[in-house]
Amino acid sequence: MKRIIIDVFGRVQGVFFRHNTQKVAQKLGLGGYVKNIFDGSVHIEAEGSQEKLEQLLEFAKKGPKFAYVERIEYKYENATSEFINFKCKF
């Protein structure tokens, strides 16, 4: 089990980025959350297997249909097992 922290920049709010991230993460069986940040970016924290986290990262690099991802920052950490499921935070 690992944890990934992802910050996504670009046109990523108002394009269903959080909703689609939640759907992808739930399908992958990950725990964590996604939320909008006041600067217009999206913040994701997720825990699961390295393979599943890499799949989530690949989704975040492109986002949903109307998103435009300019850049992405991410890092891996040790899992804390604090998440039961994956949620959108407001």
PDB file of N, CA and C in Angstrom:
ATOM      1  N   MET A   1       0.844  -1.194   0.000  1.00  0.00           N
ATOM      2  CA  MET A   1       0.000   0.000   0.000  1.00  0.00           C
ATOM      3  C   MET A   1       0.877   1.241   0.000  1.00  0.00           C
ATOM      4  N   LYS A   2       0.522   2.164  -0.889  1.00  0.00           N
ATOM      5  CA  LYS A   2       1.214   3.448  -0.994  1.00  0.00           C
ATOM      6  C   LYS A   2       0.170   4.563  -0.994  1.00  0.00           C
ATOM      7  N   ARG A   3       0.648   5.771  -0.896  1.00  0.00           N
ATOM      8  CA  ARG A   3      -0.201   6.959  -0.972  1.00  0.00           C
ATOM      9  C   ARG A   3       0.388   7.864  -2.050  1.00  0.00           C
ATOM     10  N   ILE A   4      -0.501   8.455  -2.855  1.00  0.00           N
ATOM     11  CA  ILE A   4      -0.060   9.438  -3.845  1.00  0.00           C
ATOM     12  C   ILE A   4      -0.787  10.750  -3.554  1.00  0.00           C
ATOM     13  N   ILE A   5      -0.036  11.831  -3.698  1.00  0.00           N
ATOM     14  CA  ILE A   5      -0.597  13.175  -3.565  1.00  0.00           C
ATOM     15  C   ILE A   5      -0.365  13.864  -4.908  1.00  0.00           C
ATOM     16  N   ILE A   6      -1.456  14.308  -5.522  1.00  0.00           N
ATOM     17  CA  ILE A   6      -1.405  14.874  -6.870  1.00  0.00           C
ATOM     18  C   ILE A   6      -2.042  16.262  -6.858  1.00  0.00           C
ATOM     19  N   ASP A   7      -1.359  17.221  -7.460  1.00  0.00           N
ATOM     20  CA  ASP A   7      -1.932  18.549  -7.686  1.00  0.00           C
ATOM     21  C   ASP A   7      -1.957  18.780  -9.186  1.00  0.00           C
ATOM     22  N   VAL A   8      -3.141  19.123  -9.700  1.00  0.00           N
ATOM     23  CA  VAL A   8      -3.355  19.263 -11.131  1.00  0.00           C
ATOM     24  C   VAL A   8      -3.690  20.721 -11.437  1.00  0.00           C
ATOM     25  N   PHE A   9      -2.975  21.294 -12.398  1.00  0.00           N
ATOM     26  CA  PHE A   9      -3.139  22.698 -12.752  1.00  0.00           C
ATOM     27  C   PHE A   9      -3.577  22.829 -14.206  1.00  0.00           C
ATOM     28  N   GLY A  10      -4.357  23.856 -14.486  1.00  0.00           N
ATOM     29  CA  GLY A  10      -4.862  24.107 -15.825  1.00  0.00           C
ATOM     30  C   GLY A  10      -6.338  24.420 -15.752  1.00  0.00           C
ATOM     31  N   ARG A  11      -7.083  24.086 -16.800  1.00  0.00           N
ATOM     32  CA  ARG A  11      -8.542  24.240 -16.783  1.00  0.00           C
ATOM     33  C   ARG A  11      -9.096  22.932 -16.221  1.00  0.00           C
ATOM     34  N   VAL A  12      -9.148  22.865 -14.894  1.00  0.00           N
ATOM     35  CA  VAL A  12      -9.513  21.613 -14.236  1.00  0.00           C
ATOM     36  C   VAL A  12     -10.678  21.773 -13.262  1.00  0.00           C
ATOM     37  N   GLN A  13     -11.220  22.979 -13.176  1.00  0.00           N
ATOM     38  CA  GLN A  13     -12.429  23.190 -12.372  1.00  0.00           C
ATOM     39  C   GLN A  13     -13.574  23.548 -13.309  1.00  0.00           C
ATOM     40  N   GLY A  14     -14.770  23.073 -12.976  1.00  0.00           N
ATOM     41  CA  GLY A  14     -15.931  23.340 -13.814  1.00  0.00           C
ATOM     42  C   GLY A  14     -16.016  22.448 -15.040  1.00  0.00           C
ATOM     43  N   VAL A  15     -15.225  21.377 -15.064  1.00  0.00           N
ATOM     44  CA  VAL A  15     -15.214  20.448 -16.204  1.00  0.00           C
ATOM     45  C   VAL A  15     -15.428  19.000 -15.741  1.00  0.00           C
ATOM     46  N   PHE A  16     -16.019  18.841 -14.558  1.00  0.00           N
ATOM     47  CA  PHE A  16     -16.313  17.532 -13.980  1.00  0.00           C
ATOM     48  C   PHE A  16     -15.050  16.728 -13.640  1.00  0.00           C
ATOM     49  N   PHE A  17     -13.954  17.437 -13.352  1.00  0.00           N
ATOM     50  CA  PHE A  17     -12.698  16.754 -13.015  1.00  0.00           C
ATOM     51  C   PHE A  17     -12.851  15.955 -11.730  1.00  0.00           C
ATOM     52  N   ARG A  18     -13.417  16.580 -10.685  1.00  0.00           N
ATOM     53  CA  ARG A  18     -13.573  15.864  -9.411  1.00  0.00           C
ATOM     54  C   ARG A  18     -14.470  14.648  -9.568  1.00  0.00           C
ATOM     55  N   HIS A  19     -15.595  14.842 -10.219  1.00  0.00           N
ATOM     56  CA  HIS A  19     -16.558  13.747 -10.393  1.00  0.00           C
ATOM     57  C   HIS A  19     -15.919  12.565 -11.129  1.00  0.00           C
ATOM     58  N   ASN A  20     -15.230  12.855 -12.210  1.00  0.00           N
ATOM     59  CA  ASN A  20     -14.597  11.782 -12.986  1.00  0.00           C
ATOM     60  C   ASN A  20     -13.439  11.138 -12.232  1.00  0.00           C
ATOM     61  N   THR A  21     -12.687  11.932 -11.480  1.00  0.00           N
ATOM     62  CA  THR A  21     -11.615  11.364 -10.657  1.00  0.00           C
ATOM     63  C   THR A  21     -12.191  10.406  -9.633  1.00  0.00           C
ATOM     64  N   GLN A  22     -13.298  10.799  -9.007  1.00  0.00           N
ATOM     65  CA  GLN A  22     -13.945   9.928  -8.031  1.00  0.00           C
ATOM     66  C   GLN A  22     -14.380   8.618  -8.679  1.00  0.00           C
ATOM     67  N   LYS A  23     -14.987   8.691  -9.854  1.00  0.00           N
ATOM     68  CA  LYS A  23     -15.428   7.478 -10.547  1.00  0.00           C
ATOM     69  C   LYS A  23     -14.250   6.557 -10.859  1.00  0.00           C
ATOM     70  N   VAL A  24     -13.151   7.125 -11.358  1.00  0.00           N
ATOM     71  CA  VAL A  24     -11.968   6.330 -11.692  1.00  0.00           C
ATOM     72  C   VAL A  24     -11.388   5.696 -10.432  1.00  0.00           C
ATOM     73  N   ALA A  25     -11.239   6.488  -9.378  1.00  0.00           N
ATOM     74  CA  ALA A  25     -10.656   5.986  -8.137  1.00  0.00           C
ATOM     75  C   ALA A  25     -11.512   4.886  -7.512  1.00  0.00           C
ATOM     76  N   GLN A  26     -12.821   5.064  -7.532  1.00  0.00           N
ATOM     77  CA  GLN A  26     -13.709   4.040  -6.985  1.00  0.00           C
ATOM     78  C   GLN A  26     -13.622   2.758  -7.802  1.00  0.00           C
ATOM     79  N   LYS A  27     -13.566   2.885  -9.115  1.00  0.00           N
ATOM     80  CA  LYS A  27     -13.440   1.707  -9.980  1.00  0.00           C
ATOM     81  C   LYS A  27     -12.135   0.961  -9.697  1.00  0.00           C
ATOM     82  N   LEU A  28     -11.077   1.715  -9.362  1.00  0.00           N
ATOM     83  CA  LEU A  28      -9.780   1.114  -9.049  1.00  0.00           C
ATOM     84  C   LEU A  28      -9.707   0.590  -7.607  1.00  0.00           C
ATOM     85  N   GLY A  29     -10.722   0.884  -6.813  1.00  0.00           N
ATOM     86  CA  GLY A  29     -10.745   0.417  -5.427  1.00  0.00           C
ATOM     87  C   GLY A  29      -9.841   1.212  -4.494  1.00  0.00           C
ATOM     88  N   LEU A  30      -9.612   2.486  -4.821  1.00  0.00           N
ATOM     89  CA  LEU A  30      -8.737   3.325  -4.012  1.00  0.00           C
ATOM     90  C   LEU A  30      -9.515   4.059  -2.931  1.00  0.00           C
ATOM     91  N   GLY A  31      -8.830   4.414  -1.869  1.00  0.00           N
ATOM     92  CA  GLY A  31      -9.386   5.274  -0.842  1.00  0.00           C
ATOM     93  C   GLY A  31      -8.756   6.645  -0.967  1.00  0.00           C
ATOM     94  N   GLY A  32      -9.474   7.683  -0.517  1.00  0.00           N
ATOM     95  CA  GLY A  32      -8.909   9.018  -0.539  1.00  0.00           C
ATOM     96  C   GLY A  32      -9.943  10.064  -0.865  1.00  0.00           C
ATOM     97  N   TYR A  33      -9.477  11.167  -1.459  1.00  0.00           N
ATOM     98  CA  TYR A  33     -10.385  12.257  -1.797  1.00  0.00           C
ATOM     99  C   TYR A  33      -9.818  13.120  -2.920  1.00  0.00           C
ATOM    100  N   VAL A  34     -10.708  13.927  -3.494  1.00  0.00           N
ATOM    101  CA  VAL A  34     -10.345  14.930  -4.495  1.00  0.00           C
ATOM    102  C   VAL A  34     -11.077  16.203  -4.119  1.00  0.00           C
ATOM    103  N   LYS A  35     -10.402  17.361  -4.261  1.00  0.00           N
ATOM    104  CA  LYS A  35     -11.075  18.624  -3.957  1.00  0.00           C
ATOM    105  C   LYS A  35     -10.506  19.744  -4.809  1.00  0.00           C
ATOM    106  N   ASN A  36     -11.350  20.766  -5.026  1.00  0.00           N
ATOM    107  CA  ASN A  36     -10.924  21.976  -5.707  1.00  0.00           C
ATOM    108  C   ASN A  36     -10.139  22.842  -4.732  1.00  0.00           C
ATOM    109  N   ILE A  37      -9.132  23.545  -5.240  1.00  0.00           N
ATOM    110  CA  ILE A  37      -8.335  24.469  -4.446  1.00  0.00           C
ATOM    111  C   ILE A  37      -8.636  25.889  -4.932  1.00  0.00           C
ATOM    112  N   PHE A  38      -8.573  26.851  -4.028  1.00  0.00           N
ATOM    113  CA  PHE A  38      -8.942  28.234  -4.342  1.00  0.00           C
ATOM    114  C   PHE A  38      -8.163  28.824  -5.514  1.00  0.00           C
ATOM    115  N   ASP A  39      -6.957  28.308  -5.799  1.00  0.00           N
ATOM    116  CA  ASP A  39      -6.150  28.860  -6.903  1.00  0.00           C
ATOM    117  C   ASP A  39      -6.553  28.301  -8.273  1.00  0.00           C
ATOM    118  N   GLY A  40      -7.598  27.460  -8.314  1.00  0.00           N
ATOM    119  CA  GLY A  40      -8.074  26.893  -9.579  1.00  0.00           C
ATOM    120  C   GLY A  40      -7.555  25.504  -9.875  1.00  0.00           C
ATOM    121  N   SER A  41      -6.707  24.979  -9.001  1.00  0.00           N
ATOM    122  CA  SER A  41      -6.170  23.629  -9.198  1.00  0.00           C
ATOM    123  C   SER A  41      -7.069  22.592  -8.526  1.00  0.00           C
ATOM    124  N   VAL A  42      -6.725  21.341  -8.737  1.00  0.00           N
ATOM    125  CA  VAL A  42      -7.414  20.223  -8.101  1.00  0.00           C
ATOM    126  C   VAL A  42      -6.377  19.421  -7.322  1.00  0.00           C
ATOM    127  N   HIS A  43      -6.746  19.040  -6.093  1.00  0.00           N
ATOM    128  CA  HIS A  43      -5.860  18.282  -5.205  1.00  0.00           C
ATOM    129  C   HIS A  43      -6.446  16.888  -5.014  1.00  0.00           C
ATOM    130  N   ILE A  44      -5.591  15.873  -5.166  1.00  0.00           N
ATOM    131  CA  ILE A  44      -6.008  14.475  -5.021  1.00  0.00           C
ATOM    132  C   ILE A  44      -5.076  13.793  -4.033  1.00  0.00           C
ATOM    133  N   GLU A  45      -5.645  13.039  -3.113  1.00  0.00           N
ATOM    134  CA  GLU A  45      -4.867  12.146  -2.256  1.00  0.00           C
ATOM    135  C   GLU A  45      -5.534  10.789  -2.327  1.00  0.00           C
ATOM    136  N   ALA A  46      -4.741   9.765  -2.578  1.00  0.00           N
ATOM    137  CA  ALA A  46      -5.298   8.422  -2.723  1.00  0.00           C
ATOM    138  C   ALA A  46      -4.329   7.382  -2.177  1.00  0.00           C
ATOM    139  N   GLU A  47      -4.899   6.279  -1.716  1.00  0.00           N
ATOM    140  CA  GLU A  47      -4.101   5.162  -1.225  1.00  0.00           C
ATOM    141  C   GLU A  47      -4.555   3.870  -1.881  1.00  0.00           C
ATOM    142  N   GLY A  48      -3.584   3.009  -2.137  1.00  0.00           N
ATOM    143  CA  GLY A  48      -3.851   1.720  -2.743  1.00  0.00           C
ATOM    144  C   GLY A  48      -2.552   1.113  -3.233  1.00  0.00           C
ATOM    145  N   SER A  49      -2.668   0.146  -4.116  1.00  0.00           N
ATOM    146  CA  SER A  49      -1.471  -0.488  -4.664  1.00  0.00           C
ATOM    147  C   SER A  49      -0.762   0.469  -5.616  1.00  0.00           C
ATOM    148  N   GLN A  50       0.518   0.287  -5.779  1.00  0.00           N
ATOM    149  CA  GLN A  50       1.318   1.121  -6.679  1.00  0.00           C
ATOM    150  C   GLN A  50       0.716   1.115  -8.090  1.00  0.00           C
ATOM    151  N   GLU A  51       0.328  -0.051  -8.555  1.00  0.00           N
ATOM    152  CA  GLU A  51      -0.235  -0.193  -9.901  1.00  0.00           C
ATOM    153  C   GLU A  51      -1.517   0.631 -10.067  1.00  0.00           C
ATOM    154  N   LYS A  52      -2.408   0.562  -9.090  1.00  0.00           N
ATOM    155  CA  LYS A  52      -3.675   1.295  -9.168  1.00  0.00           C
ATOM    156  C   LYS A  52      -3.443   2.802  -9.053  1.00  0.00           C
ATOM    157  N   LEU A  53      -2.497   3.208  -8.212  1.00  0.00           N
ATOM    158  CA  LEU A  53      -2.176   4.627  -8.084  1.00  0.00           C
ATOM    159  C   LEU A  53      -1.593   5.173  -9.384  1.00  0.00           C
ATOM    160  N   GLU A  54      -0.802   4.379 -10.062  1.00  0.00           N
ATOM    161  CA  GLU A  54      -0.245   4.799 -11.352  1.00  0.00           C
ATOM    162  C   GLU A  54      -1.355   4.983 -12.389  1.00  0.00           C
ATOM    163  N   GLN A  55      -2.375   4.142 -12.333  1.00  0.00           N
ATOM    164  CA  GLN A  55      -3.508   4.290 -13.254  1.00  0.00           C
ATOM    165  C   GLN A  55      -4.275   5.584 -12.961  1.00  0.00           C
ATOM    166  N   LEU A  56      -4.441   5.907 -11.675  1.00  0.00           N
ATOM    167  CA  LEU A  56      -5.089   7.165 -11.310  1.00  0.00           C
ATOM    168  C   LEU A  56      -4.251   8.351 -11.780  1.00  0.00           C
ATOM    169  N   LEU A  57      -2.955   8.267 -11.626  1.00  0.00           N
ATOM    170  CA  LEU A  57      -2.058   9.325 -12.075  1.00  0.00           C
ATOM    171  C   LEU A  57      -2.174   9.536 -13.581  1.00  0.00           C
ATOM    172  N   GLU A  58      -2.249   8.462 -14.343  1.00  0.00           N
ATOM    173  CA  GLU A  58      -2.400   8.581 -15.795  1.00  0.00           C
ATOM    174  C   GLU A  58      -3.699   9.297 -16.150  1.00  0.00           C
ATOM    175  N   PHE A  59      -4.774   8.998 -15.423  1.00  0.00           N
ATOM    176  CA  PHE A  59      -6.031   9.714 -15.659  1.00  0.00           C
ATOM    177  C   PHE A  59      -5.855  11.202 -15.346  1.00  0.00           C
ATOM    178  N   ALA A  60      -5.229  11.506 -14.210  1.00  0.00           N
ATOM    179  CA  ALA A  60      -5.067  12.899 -13.781  1.00  0.00           C
ATOM    180  C   ALA A  60      -4.233  13.706 -14.772  1.00  0.00           C
ATOM    181  N   LYS A  61      -3.332  13.054 -15.473  1.00  0.00           N
ATOM    182  CA  LYS A  61      -2.482  13.760 -16.437  1.00  0.00           C
ATOM    183  C   LYS A  61      -3.266  14.299 -17.618  1.00  0.00           C
ATOM    184  N   LYS A  62      -4.402  13.695 -17.923  1.00  0.00           N
ATOM    185  CA  LYS A  62      -5.203  14.167 -19.047  1.00  0.00           C
ATOM    186  C   LYS A  62      -6.567  14.687 -18.611  1.00  0.00           C
ATOM    187  N   GLY A  63      -7.146  14.106 -17.567  1.00  0.00           N
ATOM    188  CA  GLY A  63      -8.440  14.545 -17.057  1.00  0.00           C
ATOM    189  C   GLY A  63      -9.585  14.154 -17.962  1.00  0.00           C
ATOM    190  N   PRO A  64     -10.791  14.631 -17.643  1.00  0.00           N
ATOM    191  CA  PRO A  64     -11.959  14.337 -18.472  1.00  0.00           C
ATOM    192  C   PRO A  64     -11.951  15.151 -19.763  1.00  0.00           C
ATOM    193  N   LYS A  65     -12.934  14.919 -20.577  1.00  0.00           N
ATOM    194  CA  LYS A  65     -13.017  15.451 -21.941  1.00  0.00           C
ATOM    195  C   LYS A  65     -12.750  16.952 -22.059  1.00  0.00           C
ATOM    196  N   PHE A  66     -13.352  17.787 -21.228  1.00  0.00           N
ATOM    197  CA  PHE A  66     -13.248  19.239 -21.393  1.00  0.00           C
ATOM    198  C   PHE A  66     -12.145  19.871 -20.548  1.00  0.00           C
ATOM    199  N   ALA A  67     -11.379  19.072 -19.853  1.00  0.00           N
ATOM    200  CA  ALA A  67     -10.274  19.597 -19.051  1.00  0.00           C
ATOM    201  C   ALA A  67      -9.063  19.880 -19.936  1.00  0.00           C
ATOM    202  N   TYR A  68      -8.225  20.789 -19.461  1.00  0.00           N
ATOM    203  CA  TYR A  68      -6.945  21.034 -20.104  1.00  0.00           C
ATOM    204  C   TYR A  68      -5.895  21.067 -18.996  1.00  0.00           C
ATOM    205  N   VAL A  69      -5.113  20.010 -18.895  1.00  0.00           N
ATOM    206  CA  VAL A  69      -4.102  19.903 -17.857  1.00  0.00           C
ATOM    207  C   VAL A  69      -2.817  20.547 -18.363  1.00  0.00           C
ATOM    208  N   GLU A  70      -2.408  21.641 -17.704  1.00  0.00           N
ATOM    209  CA  GLU A  70      -1.172  22.331 -18.070  1.00  0.00           C
ATOM    210  C   GLU A  70       0.038  21.656 -17.431  1.00  0.00           C
ATOM    211  N   ARG A  71      -0.102  21.312 -16.159  1.00  0.00           N
ATOM    212  CA  ARG A  71       0.987  20.625 -15.471  1.00  0.00           C
ATOM    213  C   ARG A  71       0.436  19.875 -14.278  1.00  0.00           C
ATOM    214  N   ILE A  72       1.254  18.977 -13.801  1.00  0.00           N
ATOM    215  CA  ILE A  72       0.861  18.124 -12.688  1.00  0.00           C
ATOM    216  C   ILE A  72       2.065  17.948 -11.772  1.00  0.00           C
ATOM    217  N   GLU A  73       1.818  17.956 -10.472  1.00  0.00           N
ATOM    218  CA  GLU A  73       2.855  17.683  -9.483  1.00  0.00           C
ATOM    219  C   GLU A  73       2.364  16.512  -8.646  1.00  0.00           C
ATOM    220  N   TYR A  74       3.259  15.585  -8.352  1.00  0.00           N
ATOM    221  CA  TYR A  74       2.844  14.449  -7.538  1.00  0.00           C
ATOM    222  C   TYR A  74       4.023  13.896  -6.760  1.00  0.00           C
ATOM    223  N   LYS A  75       3.671  13.202  -5.692  1.00  0.00           N
ATOM    224  CA  LYS A  75       4.684  12.505  -4.900  1.00  0.00           C
ATOM    225  C   LYS A  75       4.027  11.304  -4.241  1.00  0.00           C
ATOM    226  N   TYR A  76       4.858  10.306  -3.987  1.00  0.00           N
ATOM    227  CA  TYR A  76       4.412   9.101  -3.289  1.00  0.00           C
ATOM    228  C   TYR A  76       4.862   9.169  -1.841  1.00  0.00           C
ATOM    229  N   GLU A  77       4.032   8.645  -0.957  1.00  0.00           N
ATOM    230  CA  GLU A  77       4.351   8.547   0.458  1.00  0.00           C
ATOM    231  C   GLU A  77       3.910   7.176   0.948  1.00  0.00           C
ATOM    232  N   ASN A  78       4.217   6.886   2.192  1.00  0.00           N
ATOM    233  CA  ASN A  78       3.721   5.665   2.814  1.00  0.00           C
ATOM    234  C   ASN A  78       2.239   5.842   3.126  1.00  0.00           C
ATOM    235  N   ALA A  79       1.475   4.781   2.965  1.00  0.00           N
ATOM    236  CA  ALA A  79       0.041   4.822   3.251  1.00  0.00           C
ATOM    237  C   ALA A  79      -0.191   4.960   4.750  1.00  0.00           C
ATOM    238  N   THR A  80      -1.282   5.641   5.106  1.00  0.00           N
ATOM    239  CA  THR A  80      -1.678   5.781   6.508  1.00  0.00           C
ATOM    240  C   THR A  80      -2.924   4.955   6.822  1.00  0.00           C
ATOM    241  N   SER A  81      -3.558   4.422   5.794  1.00  0.00           N
ATOM    242  CA  SER A  81      -4.782   3.615   5.925  1.00  0.00           C
ATOM    243  C   SER A  81      -5.917   4.378   6.605  1.00  0.00           C
ATOM    244  N   GLU A  82      -5.965   5.694   6.404  1.00  0.00           N
ATOM    245  CA  GLU A  82      -7.008   6.501   7.039  1.00  0.00           C
ATOM    246  C   GLU A  82      -8.292   6.584   6.216  1.00  0.00           C
ATOM    247  N   PHE A  83      -8.250   6.164   4.954  1.00  0.00           N
ATOM    248  CA  PHE A  83      -9.404   6.300   4.076  1.00  0.00           C
ATOM    249  C   PHE A  83     -10.168   4.983   3.953  1.00  0.00           C
ATOM    250  N   ILE A  84     -11.492   5.085   4.017  1.00  0.00           N
ATOM    251  CA  ILE A  84     -12.346   3.911   3.845  1.00  0.00           C
ATOM    252  C   ILE A  84     -12.790   3.794   2.394  1.00  0.00           C
ATOM    253  N   ASN A  85     -13.084   4.952   1.784  1.00  0.00           N
ATOM    254  CA  ASN A  85     -13.508   4.984   0.384  1.00  0.00           C
ATOM    255  C   ASN A  85     -12.965   6.261  -0.251  1.00  0.00           C
ATOM    256  N   PHE A  86     -13.416   6.582  -1.455  1.00  0.00           N
ATOM    257  CA  PHE A  86     -12.926   7.760  -2.166  1.00  0.00           C
ATOM    258  C   PHE A  86     -14.069   8.749  -2.312  1.00  0.00           C
ATOM    259  N   LYS A  87     -13.824  10.010  -1.916  1.00  0.00           N
ATOM    260  CA  LYS A  87     -14.879  11.022  -1.886  1.00  0.00           C
ATOM    261  C   LYS A  87     -14.451  12.307  -2.575  1.00  0.00           C
ATOM    262  N   CYS A  88     -15.462  13.068  -2.994  1.00  0.00           N
ATOM    263  CA  CYS A  88     -15.251  14.449  -3.435  1.00  0.00           C
ATOM    264  C   CYS A  88     -15.443  15.337  -2.212  1.00  0.00           C
ATOM    265  N   LYS A  89     -14.467  16.212  -1.969  1.00  0.00           N
ATOM    266  CA  LYS A  89     -14.606  17.194  -0.889  1.00  0.00           C
ATOM    267  C   LYS A  89     -14.930  18.534  -1.500  1.00  0.00           C
ATOM    268  N   PHE A  90     -15.655  19.325  -0.737  1.00  0.00           N
ATOM    269  CA  PHE A  90     -16.050  20.654  -1.230  1.00  0.00           C
ATOM    270  C   PHE A  90     -15.372  21.740  -0.435  1.00  0.00           C
TER     271      PHE A  90
END
